[in-house]
Amino acid sequence: MDAIQTTQYARALMQARGSKAIAEAAQRMRENEAKGNTAEAENWRRIRLALAEMRGPHQS
């Protein structure tokens, strides 16, 4: 999955799941790691990072 596809998928996931999108991406990453699907796990890691960038920094 290239960077454009990753960003597009992350945006779609954010629209569909809202604040739960990052947690879902992390869960799917862990599931794929456990199954030994390293390429798919890497895709989910990149999606999770893209979602975190979209969310922006934490504010206190």
PDB file of N, CA and C in Angstrom:
ATOM      1  N   MET A   1       0.855  -1.166   0.000  1.00  0.00           N
ATOM      2  CA  MET A   1       0.000   0.000   0.000  1.00  0.00           C
ATOM      3  C   MET A   1       0.900   1.227   0.000  1.00  0.00           C
ATOM      4  N   ASP A   2       0.678   2.122  -0.945  1.00  0.00           N
ATOM      5  CA  ASP A   2       1.512   3.321  -1.008  1.00  0.00           C
ATOM      6  C   ASP A   2       0.960   4.411  -0.087  1.00  0.00           C
ATOM      7  N   ALA A   3       1.665   5.514   0.004  1.00  0.00           N
ATOM      8  CA  ALA A   3       1.322   6.576   0.947  1.00  0.00           C
ATOM      9  C   ALA A   3      -0.050   7.188   0.658  1.00  0.00           C
ATOM     10  N   ILE A   4      -0.381   7.344  -0.602  1.00  0.00           N
ATOM     11  CA  ILE A   4      -1.679   7.932  -0.962  1.00  0.00           C
ATOM     12  C   ILE A   4      -2.814   7.002  -0.548  1.00  0.00           C
ATOM     13  N   GLN A   5      -2.672   5.714  -0.831  1.00  0.00           N
ATOM     14  CA  GLN A   5      -3.688   4.747  -0.438  1.00  0.00           C
ATOM     15  C   GLN A   5      -3.827   4.689   1.086  1.00  0.00           C
ATOM     16  N   THR A   6      -2.707   4.751   1.786  1.00  0.00           N
ATOM     17  CA  THR A   6      -2.725   4.729   3.245  1.00  0.00           C
ATOM     18  C   THR A   6      -3.513   5.917   3.782  1.00  0.00           C
ATOM     19  N   THR A   7      -3.253   7.092   3.258  1.00  0.00           N
ATOM     20  CA  THR A   7      -3.944   8.299   3.701  1.00  0.00           C
ATOM     21  C   THR A   7      -5.430   8.230   3.378  1.00  0.00           C
ATOM     22  N   GLN A   8      -5.760   7.757   2.191  1.00  0.00           N
ATOM     23  CA  GLN A   8      -7.163   7.641   1.812  1.00  0.00           C
ATOM     24  C   GLN A   8      -7.900   6.664   2.717  1.00  0.00           C
ATOM     25  N   TYR A   9      -7.281   5.537   3.010  1.00  0.00           N
ATOM     26  CA  TYR A   9      -7.909   4.550   3.867  1.00  0.00           C
ATOM     27  C   TYR A   9      -8.054   5.085   5.289  1.00  0.00           C
ATOM     28  N   ALA A  10      -7.042   5.794   5.761  1.00  0.00           N
ATOM     29  CA  ALA A  10      -7.098   6.373   7.098  1.00  0.00           C
ATOM     30  C   ALA A  10      -8.229   7.397   7.201  1.00  0.00           C
ATOM     31  N   ARG A  11      -8.391   8.232   6.186  1.00  0.00           N
ATOM     32  CA  ARG A  11      -9.485   9.219   6.192  1.00  0.00           C
ATOM     33  C   ARG A  11     -10.839   8.530   6.214  1.00  0.00           C
ATOM     34  N   ALA A  12     -10.990   7.492   5.398  1.00  0.00           N
ATOM     35  CA  ALA A  12     -12.257   6.762   5.358  1.00  0.00           C
ATOM     36  C   ALA A  12     -12.544   6.098   6.705  1.00  0.00           C
ATOM     37  N   LEU A  13     -11.531   5.527   7.313  1.00  0.00           N
ATOM     38  CA  LEU A  13     -11.701   4.888   8.611  1.00  0.00           C
ATOM     39  C   LEU A  13     -12.048   5.923   9.678  1.00  0.00           C
ATOM     40  N   MET A  14     -11.438   7.095   9.627  1.00  0.00           N
ATOM     41  CA  MET A  14     -11.723   8.158  10.588  1.00  0.00           C
ATOM     42  C   MET A  14     -13.171   8.631  10.436  1.00  0.00           C
ATOM     43  N   GLN A  15     -13.638   8.738   9.213  1.00  0.00           N
ATOM     44  CA  GLN A  15     -15.020   9.155   8.992  1.00  0.00           C
ATOM     45  C   GLN A  15     -15.998   8.096   9.484  1.00  0.00           C
ATOM     46  N   ALA A  16     -15.659   6.839   9.288  1.00  0.00           N
ATOM     47  CA  ALA A  16     -16.552   5.754   9.666  1.00  0.00           C
ATOM     48  C   ALA A  16     -16.551   5.483  11.167  1.00  0.00           C
ATOM     49  N   ARG A  17     -15.385   5.546  11.799  1.00  0.00           N
ATOM     50  CA  ARG A  17     -15.248   5.139  13.202  1.00  0.00           C
ATOM     51  C   ARG A  17     -14.998   6.285  14.170  1.00  0.00           C
ATOM     52  N   GLY A  18     -14.656   7.456  13.652  1.00  0.00           N
ATOM     53  CA  GLY A  18     -14.415   8.601  14.529  1.00  0.00           C
ATOM     54  C   GLY A  18     -13.228   8.366  15.450  1.00  0.00           C
ATOM     55  N   SER A  19     -13.429   8.651  16.732  1.00  0.00           N
ATOM     56  CA  SER A  19     -12.340   8.557  17.693  1.00  0.00           C
ATOM     57  C   SER A  19     -11.875   7.122  17.944  1.00  0.00           C
ATOM     58  N   LYS A  20     -12.634   6.146  17.497  1.00  0.00           N
ATOM     59  CA  LYS A  20     -12.260   4.739  17.694  1.00  0.00           C
ATOM     60  C   LYS A  20     -11.384   4.200  16.568  1.00  0.00           C
ATOM     61  N   ALA A  21     -11.112   5.014  15.565  1.00  0.00           N
ATOM     62  CA  ALA A  21     -10.372   4.570  14.390  1.00  0.00           C
ATOM     63  C   ALA A  21      -8.945   4.141  14.732  1.00  0.00           C
ATOM     64  N   ILE A  22      -8.270   4.894  15.580  1.00  0.00           N
ATOM     65  CA  ILE A  22      -6.884   4.572  15.924  1.00  0.00           C
ATOM     66  C   ILE A  22      -6.825   3.248  16.679  1.00  0.00           C
ATOM     67  N   ALA A  23      -7.750   3.057  17.600  1.00  0.00           N
ATOM     68  CA  ALA A  23      -7.784   1.805  18.360  1.00  0.00           C
ATOM     69  C   ALA A  23      -8.068   0.619  17.438  1.00  0.00           C
ATOM     70  N   GLU A  24      -8.955   0.800  16.480  1.00  0.00           N
ATOM     71  CA  GLU A  24      -9.264  -0.284  15.549  1.00  0.00           C
ATOM     72  C   GLU A  24      -8.050  -0.625  14.691  1.00  0.00           C
ATOM     73  N   ALA A  25      -7.352   0.389  14.206  1.00  0.00           N
ATOM     74  CA  ALA A  25      -6.158   0.147  13.396  1.00  0.00           C
ATOM     75  C   ALA A  25      -5.096  -0.584  14.213  1.00  0.00           C
ATOM     76  N   ALA A  26      -4.924  -0.194  15.472  1.00  0.00           N
ATOM     77  CA  ALA A  26      -3.942  -0.854  16.335  1.00  0.00           C
ATOM     78  C   ALA A  26      -4.332  -2.313  16.583  1.00  0.00           C
ATOM     79  N   GLN A  27      -5.605  -2.552  16.778  1.00  0.00           N
ATOM     80  CA  GLN A  27      -6.079  -3.924  17.004  1.00  0.00           C
ATOM     81  C   GLN A  27      -5.836  -4.791  15.772  1.00  0.00           C
ATOM     82  N   ARG A  28      -6.156  -4.259  14.608  1.00  0.00           N
ATOM     83  CA  ARG A  28      -5.930  -5.033  13.376  1.00  0.00           C
ATOM     84  C   ARG A  28      -4.446  -5.276  13.134  1.00  0.00           C
ATOM     85  N   MET A  29      -3.609  -4.306  13.503  1.00  0.00           N
ATOM     86  CA  MET A  29      -2.167  -4.483  13.373  1.00  0.00           C
ATOM     87  C   MET A  29      -1.704  -5.651  14.250  1.00  0.00           C
ATOM     88  N   ARG A  30      -2.150  -5.662  15.507  1.00  0.00           N
ATOM     89  CA  ARG A  30      -1.762  -6.739  16.429  1.00  0.00           C
ATOM     90  C   ARG A  30      -2.280  -8.097  15.961  1.00  0.00           C
ATOM     91  N   GLU A  31      -3.509  -8.146  15.459  1.00  0.00           N
ATOM     92  CA  GLU A  31      -4.081  -9.406  14.972  1.00  0.00           C
ATOM     93  C   GLU A  31      -3.254  -9.974  13.823  1.00  0.00           C
ATOM     94  N   ASN A  32      -2.857  -9.102  12.900  1.00  0.00           N
ATOM     95  CA  ASN A  32      -2.065  -9.556  11.764  1.00  0.00           C
ATOM     96  C   ASN A  32      -0.660  -9.965  12.179  1.00  0.00           C
ATOM     97  N   GLU A  33      -0.086  -9.277  13.155  1.00  0.00           N
ATOM     98  CA  GLU A  33       1.220  -9.684  13.670  1.00  0.00           C
ATOM     99  C   GLU A  33       1.136 -11.076  14.289  1.00  0.00           C
ATOM    100  N   ALA A  34       0.064 -11.330  15.042  1.00  0.00           N
ATOM    101  CA  ALA A  34      -0.107 -12.630  15.693  1.00  0.00           C
ATOM    102  C   ALA A  34      -0.283 -13.753  14.677  1.00  0.00           C
ATOM    103  N   LYS A  35      -0.893 -13.445  13.539  1.00  0.00           N
ATOM    104  CA  LYS A  35      -1.105 -14.436  12.486  1.00  0.00           C
ATOM    105  C   LYS A  35       0.127 -14.602  11.603  1.00  0.00           C
ATOM    106  N   GLY A  36       1.109 -13.722  11.774  1.00  0.00           N
ATOM    107  CA  GLY A  36       2.313 -13.791  10.959  1.00  0.00           C
ATOM    108  C   GLY A  36       2.198 -13.052   9.636  1.00  0.00           C
ATOM    109  N   ASN A  37       1.146 -12.252   9.476  1.00  0.00           N
ATOM    110  CA  ASN A  37       0.955 -11.458   8.259  1.00  0.00           C
ATOM    111  C   ASN A  37       1.698 -10.134   8.408  1.00  0.00           C
ATOM    112  N   THR A  38       3.000 -10.180   8.226  1.00  0.00           N
ATOM    113  CA  THR A  38       3.813  -8.996   8.496  1.00  0.00           C
ATOM    114  C   THR A  38       3.520  -7.836   7.550  1.00  0.00           C
ATOM    115  N   ALA A  39       3.256  -8.128   6.278  1.00  0.00           N
ATOM    116  CA  ALA A  39       2.975  -7.054   5.319  1.00  0.00           C
ATOM    117  C   ALA A  39       1.668  -6.355   5.672  1.00  0.00           C
ATOM    118  N   GLU A  40       0.646  -7.121   6.008  1.00  0.00           N
ATOM    119  CA  GLU A  40      -0.643  -6.541   6.381  1.00  0.00           C
ATOM    120  C   GLU A  40      -0.521  -5.775   7.700  1.00  0.00           C
ATOM    121  N   ALA A  41       0.246  -6.309   8.644  1.00  0.00           N
ATOM    122  CA  ALA A  41       0.472  -5.615   9.916  1.00  0.00           C
ATOM    123  C   ALA A  41       1.171  -4.276   9.679  1.00  0.00           C
ATOM    124  N   GLU A  42       2.110  -4.256   8.763  1.00  0.00           N
ATOM    125  CA  GLU A  42       2.816  -3.009   8.434  1.00  0.00           C
ATOM    126  C   GLU A  42       1.862  -1.994   7.815  1.00  0.00           C
ATOM    127  N   ASN A  43       0.953  -2.453   6.951  1.00  0.00           N
ATOM    128  CA  ASN A  43      -0.054  -1.551   6.382  1.00  0.00           C
ATOM    129  C   ASN A  43      -0.883  -0.921   7.488  1.00  0.00           C
ATOM    130  N   TRP A  44      -1.324  -1.716   8.456  1.00  0.00           N
ATOM    131  CA  TRP A  44      -2.140  -1.195   9.561  1.00  0.00           C
ATOM    132  C   TRP A  44      -1.325  -0.264  10.456  1.00  0.00           C
ATOM    133  N   ARG A  45      -0.038  -0.527  10.612  1.00  0.00           N
ATOM    134  CA  ARG A  45       0.809   0.376  11.402  1.00  0.00           C
ATOM    135  C   ARG A  45       0.864   1.739  10.732  1.00  0.00           C
ATOM    136  N   ARG A  46       1.021   1.747   9.424  1.00  0.00           N
ATOM    137  CA  ARG A  46       1.069   3.018   8.682  1.00  0.00           C
ATOM    138  C   ARG A  46      -0.266   3.747   8.746  1.00  0.00           C
ATOM    139  N   ILE A  47      -1.357   3.008   8.665  1.00  0.00           N
ATOM    140  CA  ILE A  47      -2.681   3.616   8.776  1.00  0.00           C
ATOM    141  C   ILE A  47      -2.853   4.234  10.161  1.00  0.00           C
ATOM    142  N   ARG A  48      -2.417   3.514  11.205  1.00  0.00           N
ATOM    143  CA  ARG A  48      -2.511   4.025  12.577  1.00  0.00           C
ATOM    144  C   ARG A  48      -1.712   5.318  12.719  1.00  0.00           C
ATOM    145  N   LEU A  49      -0.523   5.360  12.148  1.00  0.00           N
ATOM    146  CA  LEU A  49       0.297   6.572  12.211  1.00  0.00           C
ATOM    147  C   LEU A  49      -0.356   7.728  11.457  1.00  0.00           C
ATOM    148  N   ALA A  50      -0.949   7.440  10.297  1.00  0.00           N
ATOM    149  CA  ALA A  50      -1.644   8.482   9.533  1.00  0.00           C
ATOM    150  C   ALA A  50      -2.825   9.026  10.325  1.00  0.00           C
ATOM    151  N   LEU A  51      -3.547   8.150  11.008  1.00  0.00           N
ATOM    152  CA  LEU A  51      -4.674   8.585  11.841  1.00  0.00           C
ATOM    153  C   LEU A  51      -4.187   9.472  12.986  1.00  0.00           C
ATOM    154  N   ALA A  52      -3.075   9.105  13.597  1.00  0.00           N
ATOM    155  CA  ALA A  52      -2.530   9.899  14.694  1.00  0.00           C
ATOM    156  C   ALA A  52      -2.123  11.286  14.207  1.00  0.00           C
ATOM    157  N   GLU A  53      -1.581  11.370  13.007  1.00  0.00           N
ATOM    158  CA  GLU A  53      -1.214  12.666  12.440  1.00  0.00           C
ATOM    159  C   GLU A  53      -2.445  13.517  12.167  1.00  0.00           C
ATOM    160  N   MET A  54      -3.509  12.881  11.683  1.00  0.00           N
ATOM    161  CA  MET A  54      -4.747  13.609  11.411  1.00  0.00           C
ATOM    162  C   MET A  54      -5.360  14.165  12.686  1.00  0.00           C
ATOM    163  N   ARG A  55      -5.249  13.397  13.759  1.00  0.00           N
ATOM    164  CA  ARG A  55      -5.833  13.798  15.035  1.00  0.00           C
ATOM    165  C   ARG A  55      -5.095  15.002  15.592  1.00  0.00           C
ATOM    166  N   GLY A  56      -3.798  15.056  15.413  1.00  0.00           N
ATOM    167  CA  GLY A  56      -3.004  16.165  15.914  1.00  0.00           C
ATOM    168  C   GLY A  56      -2.507  15.913  17.317  1.00  0.00           C
ATOM    169  N   PRO A  57      -1.800  16.894  17.901  1.00  0.00           N
ATOM    170  CA  PRO A  57      -1.213  16.719  19.224  1.00  0.00           C
ATOM    171  C   PRO A  57      -2.274  16.745  20.318  1.00  0.00           C
ATOM    172  N   HIS A  58      -1.926  16.107  21.434  1.00  0.00           N
ATOM    173  CA  HIS A  58      -2.795  16.152  22.613  1.00  0.00           C
ATOM    174  C   HIS A  58      -2.749  17.543  23.214  1.00  0.00           C
ATOM    175  N   GLN A  59      -3.870  17.979  23.735  1.00  0.00           N
ATOM    176  CA  GLN A  59      -3.916  19.269  24.413  1.00  0.00           C
ATOM    177  C   GLN A  59      -4.280  19.043  25.870  1.00  0.00           C
ATOM    178  N   SER A  60      -3.689  19.823  26.732  1.00  0.00           N
ATOM    179  CA  SER A  60      -4.025  19.678  28.158  1.00  0.00           C
ATOM    180  C   SER A  60      -4.572  20.967  28.714  1.00  0.00           C
TER     181      SER A  60
END
